[in-house]
């Protein structure tokens, strides 16, 4: 009979911490969840096996009893012992009946040993007692209790459009999903394609497990003035041609507040200035920002008077001389 190694099921060492066990379980549960593998019976069985292993190894008391049971069972398997041998010896260790050195384990003792019956051990017990062995509960005419496996609810994805200003400052929304009113918060720095998780607001569990999660799929609407480039922003700034020729200061709008940009004399049309730290906040580190790149565009004077035309002609003549 083959020993069921729950540590191997989750791919963790026997000295794994609860955090490592939880991390491994979540990764495997997402991979083999029935919603992600519709119609795949192999994935469904693997999912049940993963849930069973997690139920045991995430519980300190059950894990300790499983470790003790597992080491003893492996010992009997290596020595060619049977399941009956194991339970007779375990019963003897818990006090023999009068006139006997061994006795059969009662359902109550079995429940005590494994923390409340078969629970999440169904597949393992089936391997032990249903294939070539006998169920100690069946031998004594008792019904072995079974609990449904705790299957988490499926995750839900919901599209959400926000403005660039809202992506810069962060925002919140009131949503109505399946008759439930939710206030969700959108962090600073999100971009189109970002997924914001709202824990425990997905679909309910079909059993007694936890609810799934709600994921907000973000779309950032175009801005009339700024174009986003990762965490950087780009813009074109109309500037008077005289300012480009003679130099001076010009006010530049940003998503935070206006700033003053100093334009050197004889700045060519189309030159780009970098304003450090005036771009979008980083999603993971919102106190840090990208940069703002400002491209200046010369604005030519319109509706010239006769005198203005004469002056430009004089200037052209001077430049040609």
C-alpha atoms as a PDB file:
ATOM      1  CA  UNK A   1       0.000   0.000   0.000  1.00  0.00           C
ATOM      2  CA  UNK A   2       1.401   3.396  -0.972  1.00  0.00           C
ATOM      3  CA  UNK A   3       2.009   6.091   1.654  1.00  0.00           C
ATOM      4  CA  UNK A   4       0.402   9.478   0.882  1.00  0.00           C
ATOM      5  CA  UNK A   5       3.065  12.173   1.206  1.00  0.00           C
ATOM      6  CA  UNK A   6       1.299  15.511   1.734  1.00  0.00           C
ATOM      7  CA  UNK A   7       4.598  17.371   1.735  1.00  0.00           C
ATOM      8  CA  UNK A   8       5.327  16.040  -1.718  1.00  0.00           C
ATOM      9  CA  UNK A   9       1.805  16.973  -2.872  1.00  0.00           C
ATOM     10  CA  UNK A  10       2.491  20.640  -2.040  1.00  0.00           C
ATOM     11  CA  UNK A  11       6.152  20.453  -3.050  1.00  0.00           C
ATOM     12  CA  UNK A  12       7.492  21.642   0.320  1.00  0.00           C
ATOM     13  CA  UNK A  13      10.078  20.166   2.708  1.00  0.00           C
ATOM     14  CA  UNK A  14       8.961  18.522   5.933  1.00  0.00           C
ATOM     15  CA  UNK A  15      10.319  21.438   7.951  1.00  0.00           C
ATOM     16  CA  UNK A  16       8.377  23.995   5.876  1.00  0.00           C
ATOM     17  CA  UNK A  17       6.871  26.924   7.756  1.00  0.00           C
ATOM     18  CA  UNK A  18       3.159  27.739   7.686  1.00  0.00           C
ATOM     19  CA  UNK A  19       3.941  30.673   5.405  1.00  0.00           C
ATOM     20  CA  UNK A  20       5.775  28.420   2.925  1.00  0.00           C
ATOM     21  CA  UNK A  21       2.923  25.903   3.018  1.00  0.00           C
ATOM     22  CA  UNK A  22       0.315  28.615   2.426  1.00  0.00           C
ATOM     23  CA  UNK A  23       2.334  30.084  -0.458  1.00  0.00           C
ATOM     24  CA  UNK A  24       2.755  26.694  -2.142  1.00  0.00           C
ATOM     25  CA  UNK A  25      -0.938  25.899  -1.668  1.00  0.00           C
ATOM     26  CA  UNK A  26      -2.145  29.160  -3.194  1.00  0.00           C
ATOM     27  CA  UNK A  27       0.108  28.750  -6.220  1.00  0.00           C
ATOM     28  CA  UNK A  28      -1.042  25.176  -6.881  1.00  0.00           C
ATOM     29  CA  UNK A  29      -4.710  25.936  -6.122  1.00  0.00           C
ATOM     30  CA  UNK A  30      -4.746  28.695  -8.746  1.00  0.00           C
ATOM     31  CA  UNK A  31      -3.080  26.375 -11.269  1.00  0.00           C
ATOM     32  CA  UNK A  32      -5.441  23.428 -10.768  1.00  0.00           C
ATOM     33  CA  UNK A  33      -8.684  25.211  -9.823  1.00  0.00           C
ATOM     34  CA  UNK A  34     -11.665  23.691 -11.729  1.00  0.00           C
ATOM     35  CA  UNK A  35     -12.609  27.129 -13.069  1.00  0.00           C
ATOM     36  CA  UNK A  36      -9.195  27.355 -14.734  1.00  0.00           C
ATOM     37  CA  UNK A  37      -9.401  23.769 -16.052  1.00  0.00           C
ATOM     38  CA  UNK A  38     -13.004  23.155 -17.120  1.00  0.00           C
ATOM     39  CA  UNK A  39     -13.683  19.510 -17.931  1.00  0.00           C
ATOM     40  CA  UNK A  40     -10.201  18.388 -16.870  1.00  0.00           C
ATOM     41  CA  UNK A  41     -10.772  15.489 -14.453  1.00  0.00           C
ATOM     42  CA  UNK A  42      -7.050  15.117 -13.769  1.00  0.00           C
ATOM     43  CA  UNK A  43      -6.800  18.751 -12.679  1.00  0.00           C
ATOM     44  CA  UNK A  44      -9.911  18.326 -10.541  1.00  0.00           C
ATOM     45  CA  UNK A  45      -8.417  15.343  -8.705  1.00  0.00           C
ATOM     46  CA  UNK A  46      -5.149  17.218  -8.277  1.00  0.00           C
ATOM     47  CA  UNK A  47      -7.079  20.180  -6.856  1.00  0.00           C
ATOM     48  CA  UNK A  48      -8.805  17.944  -4.291  1.00  0.00           C
ATOM     49  CA  UNK A  49      -5.472  16.410  -3.354  1.00  0.00           C
ATOM     50  CA  UNK A  50      -3.912  19.873  -2.885  1.00  0.00           C
ATOM     51  CA  UNK A  51      -6.794  21.027  -0.678  1.00  0.00           C
ATOM     52  CA  UNK A  52      -6.535  17.868   1.410  1.00  0.00           C
ATOM     53  CA  UNK A  53      -2.794  18.286   1.928  1.00  0.00           C
ATOM     54  CA  UNK A  54      -3.232  21.939   2.877  1.00  0.00           C
ATOM     55  CA  UNK A  55      -6.009  21.146   5.353  1.00  0.00           C
ATOM     56  CA  UNK A  56      -3.686  18.809   7.214  1.00  0.00           C
ATOM     57  CA  UNK A  57      -0.341  20.640   7.013  1.00  0.00           C
ATOM     58  CA  UNK A  58      -1.763  24.092   7.798  1.00  0.00           C
ATOM     59  CA  UNK A  59      -3.224  22.841  11.088  1.00  0.00           C
ATOM     60  CA  UNK A  60      -0.570  22.459  13.807  1.00  0.00           C
ATOM     61  CA  UNK A  61      -2.338  19.638  15.689  1.00  0.00           C
ATOM     62  CA  UNK A  62      -3.333  17.674  12.594  1.00  0.00           C
ATOM     63  CA  UNK A  63       0.131  18.071  11.123  1.00  0.00           C
ATOM     64  CA  UNK A  64       1.786  16.704  14.271  1.00  0.00           C
ATOM     65  CA  UNK A  65      -0.525  13.687  14.338  1.00  0.00           C
ATOM     66  CA  UNK A  66      -0.072  13.124  10.610  1.00  0.00           C
ATOM     67  CA  UNK A  67       3.730  13.235  10.988  1.00  0.00           C
ATOM     68  CA  UNK A  68       3.532  10.650  13.777  1.00  0.00           C
ATOM     69  CA  UNK A  69       1.126   8.453  11.833  1.00  0.00           C
ATOM     70  CA  UNK A  70       3.167   8.786   8.650  1.00  0.00           C
ATOM     71  CA  UNK A  71       6.455   7.734  10.205  1.00  0.00           C
ATOM     72  CA  UNK A  72       4.822   4.693  11.847  1.00  0.00           C
ATOM     73  CA  UNK A  73       2.977   3.719   8.707  1.00  0.00           C
ATOM     74  CA  UNK A  74       6.151   3.921   6.606  1.00  0.00           C
ATOM     75  CA  UNK A  75       7.873   1.700   9.158  1.00  0.00           C
ATOM     76  CA  UNK A  76       5.145  -0.947   8.822  1.00  0.00           C
ATOM     77  CA  UNK A  77       5.135  -0.686   5.039  1.00  0.00           C
ATOM     78  CA  UNK A  78       8.887  -1.221   4.864  1.00  0.00           C
ATOM     79  CA  UNK A  79       8.647  -4.249   7.137  1.00  0.00           C
ATOM     80  CA  UNK A  80       5.844  -5.765   5.073  1.00  0.00           C
ATOM     81  CA  UNK A  81       3.192  -5.111   7.712  1.00  0.00           C
ATOM     82  CA  UNK A  82      -0.495  -4.672   6.975  1.00  0.00           C
ATOM     83  CA  UNK A  83      -2.986  -1.964   7.881  1.00  0.00           C
ATOM     84  CA  UNK A  84      -4.509  -4.271  10.513  1.00  0.00           C
ATOM     85  CA  UNK A  85      -1.068  -4.745  12.060  1.00  0.00           C
ATOM     86  CA  UNK A  86      -0.670  -1.014  12.320  1.00  0.00           C
ATOM     87  CA  UNK A  87      -3.998  -0.415  14.027  1.00  0.00           C
ATOM     88  CA  UNK A  88      -3.553  -3.336  16.410  1.00  0.00           C
ATOM     89  CA  UNK A  89      -0.177  -1.976  17.476  1.00  0.00           C
ATOM     90  CA  UNK A  90      -1.514   1.558  17.781  1.00  0.00           C
ATOM     91  CA  UNK A  91      -4.388   0.254  19.890  1.00  0.00           C
ATOM     92  CA  UNK A  92      -1.964  -1.645  22.092  1.00  0.00           C
ATOM     93  CA  UNK A  93      -0.036   1.559  22.683  1.00  0.00           C
ATOM     94  CA  UNK A  94      -3.216   3.190  23.948  1.00  0.00           C
ATOM     95  CA  UNK A  95      -4.001   0.492  26.498  1.00  0.00           C
ATOM     96  CA  UNK A  96      -4.764  -3.209  25.840  1.00  0.00           C
ATOM     97  CA  UNK A  97      -8.037  -4.795  26.713  1.00  0.00           C
ATOM     98  CA  UNK A  98      -8.087  -7.190  29.679  1.00  0.00           C
ATOM     99  CA  UNK A  99      -6.545 -10.515  28.776  1.00  0.00           C
ATOM    100  CA  UNK A 100      -5.140  -9.291  25.488  1.00  0.00           C
ATOM    101  CA  UNK A 101      -2.023  -7.513  24.380  1.00  0.00           C
ATOM    102  CA  UNK A 102      -3.705  -5.920  21.387  1.00  0.00           C
ATOM    103  CA  UNK A 103      -7.115  -4.541  20.570  1.00  0.00           C
ATOM    104  CA  UNK A 104      -8.962  -2.910  17.675  1.00  0.00           C
ATOM    105  CA  UNK A 105      -9.098   0.886  17.555  1.00  0.00           C
ATOM    106  CA  UNK A 106     -12.564   2.292  18.180  1.00  0.00           C
ATOM    107  CA  UNK A 107     -14.080   5.017  15.988  1.00  0.00           C
ATOM    108  CA  UNK A 108     -13.819   7.439  18.921  1.00  0.00           C
ATOM    109  CA  UNK A 109     -10.106   6.714  19.368  1.00  0.00           C
ATOM    110  CA  UNK A 110      -9.551   6.951  15.656  1.00  0.00           C
ATOM    111  CA  UNK A 111     -11.286  10.335  15.677  1.00  0.00           C
ATOM    112  CA  UNK A 112      -9.144  11.399  18.625  1.00  0.00           C
ATOM    113  CA  UNK A 113      -6.002  10.324  16.831  1.00  0.00           C
ATOM    114  CA  UNK A 114      -6.701  12.346  13.701  1.00  0.00           C
ATOM    115  CA  UNK A 115      -8.509  15.334  15.143  1.00  0.00           C
ATOM    116  CA  UNK A 116     -12.192  14.827  14.396  1.00  0.00           C
ATOM    117  CA  UNK A 117     -12.625  11.986  11.926  1.00  0.00           C
ATOM    118  CA  UNK A 118     -11.631  11.638   8.334  1.00  0.00           C
ATOM    119  CA  UNK A 119     -12.221  15.268   7.406  1.00  0.00           C
ATOM    120  CA  UNK A 120      -9.757  16.313   4.706  1.00  0.00           C
ATOM    121  CA  UNK A 121      -7.994  12.900   4.680  1.00  0.00           C
ATOM    122  CA  UNK A 122     -10.492  11.240   2.330  1.00  0.00           C
ATOM    123  CA  UNK A 123      -8.107  10.417  -0.517  1.00  0.00           C
ATOM    124  CA  UNK A 124      -5.377   9.195   1.818  1.00  0.00           C
ATOM    125  CA  UNK A 125      -7.795   7.021   3.786  1.00  0.00           C
ATOM    126  CA  UNK A 126      -9.252   5.625   0.600  1.00  0.00           C
ATOM    127  CA  UNK A 127      -5.748   4.585  -0.380  1.00  0.00           C
ATOM    128  CA  UNK A 128      -5.194   2.961   3.023  1.00  0.00           C
ATOM    129  CA  UNK A 129      -8.534   1.276   3.703  1.00  0.00           C
ATOM    130  CA  UNK A 130     -10.384   1.057   0.424  1.00  0.00           C
ATOM    131  CA  UNK A 131      -7.792  -0.807  -1.634  1.00  0.00           C
ATOM    132  CA  UNK A 132      -6.693  -4.087  -0.120  1.00  0.00           C
ATOM    133  CA  UNK A 133      -7.386  -3.115   3.505  1.00  0.00           C
ATOM    134  CA  UNK A 134     -10.422  -2.765   5.718  1.00  0.00           C
ATOM    135  CA  UNK A 135     -11.865   0.380   7.238  1.00  0.00           C
ATOM    136  CA  UNK A 136     -11.834   0.104  11.066  1.00  0.00           C
ATOM    137  CA  UNK A 137     -15.116   2.037  11.145  1.00  0.00           C
ATOM    138  CA  UNK A 138     -16.726  -0.482   8.762  1.00  0.00           C
ATOM    139  CA  UNK A 139     -15.437  -3.406  10.865  1.00  0.00           C
ATOM    140  CA  UNK A 140     -17.308  -2.063  13.863  1.00  0.00           C
ATOM    141  CA  UNK A 141     -20.464  -1.160  11.975  1.00  0.00           C
ATOM    142  CA  UNK A 142     -20.016   2.576  12.407  1.00  0.00           C
ATOM    143  CA  UNK A 143     -20.396   5.183   9.705  1.00  0.00           C
ATOM    144  CA  UNK A 144     -17.236   7.173   9.162  1.00  0.00           C
ATOM    145  CA  UNK A 145     -17.962  10.891   9.150  1.00  0.00           C
ATOM    146  CA  UNK A 146     -16.954  12.908   6.106  1.00  0.00           C
ATOM    147  CA  UNK A 147     -16.841  16.626   5.690  1.00  0.00           C
ATOM    148  CA  UNK A 148     -16.966  18.376   2.307  1.00  0.00           C
ATOM    149  CA  UNK A 149     -13.676  19.815   1.232  1.00  0.00           C
ATOM    150  CA  UNK A 150     -13.426  23.571   1.687  1.00  0.00           C
ATOM    151  CA  UNK A 151     -13.222  24.884  -1.874  1.00  0.00           C
ATOM    152  CA  UNK A 152     -12.561  28.630  -2.217  1.00  0.00           C
ATOM    153  CA  UNK A 153     -14.938  30.706  -4.333  1.00  0.00           C
ATOM    154  CA  UNK A 154     -13.851  31.732  -7.822  1.00  0.00           C
ATOM    155  CA  UNK A 155     -12.213  35.079  -8.510  1.00  0.00           C
ATOM    156  CA  UNK A 156     -14.134  37.790 -10.368  1.00  0.00           C
ATOM    157  CA  UNK A 157     -12.670  40.406 -12.723  1.00  0.00           C
ATOM    158  CA  UNK A 158     -14.367  43.766 -13.233  1.00  0.00           C
ATOM    159  CA  UNK A 159     -13.281  46.516 -15.705  1.00  0.00           C
ATOM    160  CA  UNK A 160     -12.789  50.011 -14.296  1.00  0.00           C
ATOM    161  CA  UNK A 161     -12.026  53.235 -16.194  1.00  0.00           C
ATOM    162  CA  UNK A 162     -10.271  56.115 -14.444  1.00  0.00           C
ATOM    163  CA  UNK A 163      -8.732  59.418 -15.527  1.00  0.00           C
ATOM    164  CA  UNK A 164      -5.015  60.148 -15.602  1.00  0.00           C
ATOM    165  CA  UNK A 165      -5.502  62.584 -12.710  1.00  0.00           C
ATOM    166  CA  UNK A 166      -7.120  59.785 -10.683  1.00  0.00           C
ATOM    167  CA  UNK A 167      -4.247  57.443 -11.538  1.00  0.00           C
ATOM    168  CA  UNK A 168      -1.856  60.149 -10.322  1.00  0.00           C
ATOM    169  CA  UNK A 169      -3.606  60.947  -7.031  1.00  0.00           C
ATOM    170  CA  UNK A 170      -5.388  57.625  -6.360  1.00  0.00           C
ATOM    171  CA  UNK A 171      -9.147  57.379  -6.145  1.00  0.00           C
ATOM    172  CA  UNK A 172     -12.095  55.317  -4.953  1.00  0.00           C
ATOM    173  CA  UNK A 173     -15.284  54.041  -6.574  1.00  0.00           C
ATOM    174  CA  UNK A 174     -18.655  52.787  -5.396  1.00  0.00           C
ATOM    175  CA  UNK A 175     -19.590  49.585  -7.247  1.00  0.00           C
ATOM    176  CA  UNK A 176     -22.778  47.530  -7.275  1.00  0.00           C
ATOM    177  CA  UNK A 177     -21.898  43.883  -7.888  1.00  0.00           C
ATOM    178  CA  UNK A 178     -24.529  41.155  -7.532  1.00  0.00           C
ATOM    179  CA  UNK A 179     -26.625  43.410  -5.333  1.00  0.00           C
ATOM    180  CA  UNK A 180     -23.701  44.231  -3.025  1.00  0.00           C
ATOM    181  CA  UNK A 181     -22.499  47.810  -2.613  1.00  0.00           C
ATOM    182  CA  UNK A 182     -18.699  48.038  -2.486  1.00  0.00           C
ATOM    183  CA  UNK A 183     -16.354  50.966  -2.011  1.00  0.00           C
ATOM    184  CA  UNK A 184     -13.075  50.082  -3.711  1.00  0.00           C
ATOM    185  CA  UNK A 185      -9.837  52.034  -3.551  1.00  0.00           C
ATOM    186  CA  UNK A 186      -7.490  52.468  -6.504  1.00  0.00           C
ATOM    187  CA  UNK A 187      -3.860  53.144  -5.501  1.00  0.00           C
ATOM    188  CA  UNK A 188      -1.640  55.837  -6.986  1.00  0.00           C
ATOM    189  CA  UNK A 189       0.420  54.953 -10.034  1.00  0.00           C
ATOM    190  CA  UNK A 190      -1.868  52.369 -11.661  1.00  0.00           C
ATOM    191  CA  UNK A 191      -1.787  52.147 -15.436  1.00  0.00           C
ATOM    192  CA  UNK A 192      -3.839  50.535 -18.168  1.00  0.00           C
ATOM    193  CA  UNK A 193      -3.700  46.784 -17.599  1.00  0.00           C
ATOM    194  CA  UNK A 194      -3.065  47.010 -13.846  1.00  0.00           C
ATOM    195  CA  UNK A 195      -5.095  44.580 -11.709  1.00  0.00           C
ATOM    196  CA  UNK A 196      -6.163  45.806  -8.283  1.00  0.00           C
ATOM    197  CA  UNK A 197      -7.189  43.032  -5.879  1.00  0.00           C
ATOM    198  CA  UNK A 198     -10.068  43.468  -3.447  1.00  0.00           C
ATOM    199  CA  UNK A 199      -9.700  40.522  -1.079  1.00  0.00           C
ATOM    200  CA  UNK A 200     -12.709  38.359  -0.237  1.00  0.00           C
ATOM    201  CA  UNK A 201     -15.148  40.126  -2.565  1.00  0.00           C
ATOM    202  CA  UNK A 202     -15.305  37.498  -5.300  1.00  0.00           C
ATOM    203  CA  UNK A 203     -17.786  34.648  -5.686  1.00  0.00           C
ATOM    204  CA  UNK A 204     -18.914  32.775  -2.549  1.00  0.00           C
ATOM    205  CA  UNK A 205     -17.482  29.326  -1.884  1.00  0.00           C
ATOM    206  CA  UNK A 206     -19.684  26.413  -2.988  1.00  0.00           C
ATOM    207  CA  UNK A 207     -18.783  24.765   0.338  1.00  0.00           C
ATOM    208  CA  UNK A 208     -17.660  26.394   3.562  1.00  0.00           C
ATOM    209  CA  UNK A 209     -14.461  27.864   2.152  1.00  0.00           C
ATOM    210  CA  UNK A 210     -13.396  31.441   1.725  1.00  0.00           C
ATOM    211  CA  UNK A 211     -14.833  33.767  -0.898  1.00  0.00           C
ATOM    212  CA  UNK A 212     -12.813  34.448  -3.993  1.00  0.00           C
ATOM    213  CA  UNK A 213     -11.210  37.797  -4.763  1.00  0.00           C
ATOM    214  CA  UNK A 214     -12.392  40.717  -6.893  1.00  0.00           C
ATOM    215  CA  UNK A 215      -9.858  42.001  -9.411  1.00  0.00           C
ATOM    216  CA  UNK A 216     -10.302  45.452 -10.937  1.00  0.00           C
ATOM    217  CA  UNK A 217      -8.883  45.600 -14.462  1.00  0.00           C
ATOM    218  CA  UNK A 218      -7.782  49.229 -14.870  1.00  0.00           C
ATOM    219  CA  UNK A 219      -8.072  51.329 -18.038  1.00  0.00           C
ATOM    220  CA  UNK A 220      -6.671  54.870 -17.856  1.00  0.00           C
ATOM    221  CA  UNK A 221      -8.475  57.282 -20.175  1.00  0.00           C
ATOM    222  CA  UNK A 222      -6.455  59.558 -22.526  1.00  0.00           C
ATOM    223  CA  UNK A 223      -5.552  63.011 -21.218  1.00  0.00           C
ATOM    224  CA  UNK A 224      -5.962  66.104 -23.432  1.00  0.00           C
ATOM    225  CA  UNK A 225      -2.520  67.468 -22.525  1.00  0.00           C
ATOM    226  CA  UNK A 226      -0.268  64.687 -21.208  1.00  0.00           C
ATOM    227  CA  UNK A 227       0.811  61.422 -22.815  1.00  0.00           C
ATOM    228  CA  UNK A 228       1.974  58.636 -20.526  1.00  0.00           C
ATOM    229  CA  UNK A 229       5.213  56.755 -21.161  1.00  0.00           C
ATOM    230  CA  UNK A 230       5.521  54.204 -18.371  1.00  0.00           C
ATOM    231  CA  UNK A 231       5.921  56.351 -15.271  1.00  0.00           C
ATOM    232  CA  UNK A 232       7.045  59.339 -17.350  1.00  0.00           C
ATOM    233  CA  UNK A 233       4.786  62.011 -18.830  1.00  0.00           C
ATOM    234  CA  UNK A 234       5.256  63.882 -22.097  1.00  0.00           C
ATOM    235  CA  UNK A 235       3.650  67.080 -23.336  1.00  0.00           C
ATOM    236  CA  UNK A 236       3.987  69.748 -26.001  1.00  0.00           C
ATOM    237  CA  UNK A 237       4.102  73.341 -24.769  1.00  0.00           C
ATOM    238  CA  UNK A 238       3.256  76.233 -27.143  1.00  0.00           C
ATOM    239  CA  UNK A 239       5.816  79.035 -26.610  1.00  0.00           C
ATOM    240  CA  UNK A 240       5.974  82.521 -28.153  1.00  0.00           C
ATOM    241  CA  UNK A 241       8.670  82.704 -30.814  1.00  0.00           C
ATOM    242  CA  UNK A 242      10.104  85.816 -29.205  1.00  0.00           C
ATOM    243  CA  UNK A 243      10.626  83.862 -25.969  1.00  0.00           C
ATOM    244  CA  UNK A 244      12.509  81.192 -27.865  1.00  0.00           C
ATOM    245  CA  UNK A 245      14.681  83.856 -29.521  1.00  0.00           C
ATOM    246  CA  UNK A 246      15.339  86.099 -26.537  1.00  0.00           C
ATOM    247  CA  UNK A 247      14.893  83.680 -23.604  1.00  0.00           C
ATOM    248  CA  UNK A 248      12.713  84.003 -20.521  1.00  0.00           C
ATOM    249  CA  UNK A 249      10.398  82.117 -18.205  1.00  0.00           C
ATOM    250  CA  UNK A 250       7.222  80.212 -19.016  1.00  0.00           C
ATOM    251  CA  UNK A 251       4.686  78.476 -16.783  1.00  0.00           C
ATOM    252  CA  UNK A 252       4.301  74.708 -17.265  1.00  0.00           C
ATOM    253  CA  UNK A 253       1.181  72.851 -16.051  1.00  0.00           C
ATOM    254  CA  UNK A 254       1.644  69.505 -14.252  1.00  0.00           C
ATOM    255  CA  UNK A 255      -0.756  67.038 -12.597  1.00  0.00           C
ATOM    256  CA  UNK A 256       0.322  68.400  -9.199  1.00  0.00           C
ATOM    257  CA  UNK A 257       0.803  72.169  -9.619  1.00  0.00           C
ATOM    258  CA  UNK A 258       2.165  74.662 -12.200  1.00  0.00           C
ATOM    259  CA  UNK A 259       5.935  75.135 -12.278  1.00  0.00           C
ATOM    260  CA  UNK A 260       8.186  77.713 -13.949  1.00  0.00           C
ATOM    261  CA  UNK A 261      10.516  76.660 -16.773  1.00  0.00           C
ATOM    262  CA  UNK A 262      13.454  78.872 -17.739  1.00  0.00           C
ATOM    263  CA  UNK A 263      13.891  79.031 -21.531  1.00  0.00           C
ATOM    264  CA  UNK A 264      17.429  79.945 -22.653  1.00  0.00           C
ATOM    265  CA  UNK A 265      17.863  82.460 -25.481  1.00  0.00           C
ATOM    266  CA  UNK A 266      17.960  81.038 -28.995  1.00  0.00           C
ATOM    267  CA  UNK A 267      16.212  77.820 -28.009  1.00  0.00           C
ATOM    268  CA  UNK A 268      15.408  75.835 -31.189  1.00  0.00           C
ATOM    269  CA  UNK A 269      11.824  74.869 -31.950  1.00  0.00           C
ATOM    270  CA  UNK A 270      11.033  71.304 -30.797  1.00  0.00           C
ATOM    271  CA  UNK A 271      13.649  71.199 -28.027  1.00  0.00           C
ATOM    272  CA  UNK A 272      12.636  68.910 -25.115  1.00  0.00           C
ATOM    273  CA  UNK A 273      13.217  69.834 -21.477  1.00  0.00           C
ATOM    274  CA  UNK A 274      13.239  67.240 -18.676  1.00  0.00           C
ATOM    275  CA  UNK A 275      11.519  68.188 -15.428  1.00  0.00           C
ATOM    276  CA  UNK A 276      12.713  65.606 -12.917  1.00  0.00           C
ATOM    277  CA  UNK A 277      10.222  63.977 -10.556  1.00  0.00           C
ATOM    278  CA  UNK A 278       7.100  65.551 -12.093  1.00  0.00           C
ATOM    279  CA  UNK A 279       5.831  62.403 -13.795  1.00  0.00           C
ATOM    280  CA  UNK A 280       3.601  59.607 -12.469  1.00  0.00           C
ATOM    281  CA  UNK A 281       4.136  58.018  -9.051  1.00  0.00           C
ATOM    282  CA  UNK A 282       5.584  54.504  -9.052  1.00  0.00           C
ATOM    283  CA  UNK A 283       2.886  51.953  -8.199  1.00  0.00           C
ATOM    284  CA  UNK A 284       5.093  50.067  -5.722  1.00  0.00           C
ATOM    285  CA  UNK A 285       6.772  53.219  -4.342  1.00  0.00           C
ATOM    286  CA  UNK A 286       4.268  56.074  -4.695  1.00  0.00           C
ATOM    287  CA  UNK A 287       6.639  58.554  -3.041  1.00  0.00           C
ATOM    288  CA  UNK A 288       8.905  58.244  -6.086  1.00  0.00           C
ATOM    289  CA  UNK A 289       7.931  59.688  -9.476  1.00  0.00           C
ATOM    290  CA  UNK A 290       8.910  59.514 -13.092  1.00  0.00           C
ATOM    291  CA  UNK A 291       9.831  62.648 -15.040  1.00  0.00           C
ATOM    292  CA  UNK A 292       7.931  65.164 -17.167  1.00  0.00           C
ATOM    293  CA  UNK A 293       9.321  65.826 -20.668  1.00  0.00           C
ATOM    294  CA  UNK A 294       8.274  69.159 -22.167  1.00  0.00           C
ATOM    295  CA  UNK A 295       8.683  69.756 -25.899  1.00  0.00           C
ATOM    296  CA  UNK A 296       8.470  73.452 -26.830  1.00  0.00           C
ATOM    297  CA  UNK A 297       6.563  74.458 -29.966  1.00  0.00           C
ATOM    298  CA  UNK A 298       7.088  77.919 -31.458  1.00  0.00           C
ATOM    299  CA  UNK A 299       3.934  80.004 -31.860  1.00  0.00           C
ATOM    300  CA  UNK A 300       4.264  82.405 -34.791  1.00  0.00           C
ATOM    301  CA  UNK A 301       2.627  85.848 -34.597  1.00  0.00           C
ATOM    302  CA  UNK A 302      -0.586  86.251 -36.607  1.00  0.00           C
ATOM    303  CA  UNK A 303      -2.257  89.228 -38.322  1.00  0.00           C
ATOM    304  CA  UNK A 304       0.948  91.299 -38.631  1.00  0.00           C
ATOM    305  CA  UNK A 305       0.586  95.044 -39.019  1.00  0.00           C
ATOM    306  CA  UNK A 306       2.406  96.940 -41.799  1.00  0.00           C
ATOM    307  CA  UNK A 307       5.002  98.163 -39.319  1.00  0.00           C
ATOM    308  CA  UNK A 308       5.583  94.626 -37.947  1.00  0.00           C
ATOM    309  CA  UNK A 309       6.103  93.339 -41.485  1.00  0.00           C
ATOM    310  CA  UNK A 310       8.627  96.122 -42.124  1.00  0.00           C
ATOM    311  CA  UNK A 311      10.537  95.208 -38.981  1.00  0.00           C
ATOM    312  CA  UNK A 312      10.671  91.539 -39.961  1.00  0.00           C
ATOM    313  CA  UNK A 313      11.898  92.536 -43.433  1.00  0.00           C
ATOM    314  CA  UNK A 314      14.613  94.671 -41.834  1.00  0.00           C
ATOM    315  CA  UNK A 315      15.591  91.753 -39.621  1.00  0.00           C
ATOM    316  CA  UNK A 316      15.755  89.438 -42.619  1.00  0.00           C
ATOM    317  CA  UNK A 317      17.975  91.916 -44.440  1.00  0.00           C
ATOM    318  CA  UNK A 318      20.283  92.180 -41.451  1.00  0.00           C
ATOM    319  CA  UNK A 319      20.570  88.383 -41.228  1.00  0.00           C
ATOM    320  CA  UNK A 320      21.348  88.189 -44.955  1.00  0.00           C
ATOM    321  CA  UNK A 321      24.031  90.901 -44.861  1.00  0.00           C
END
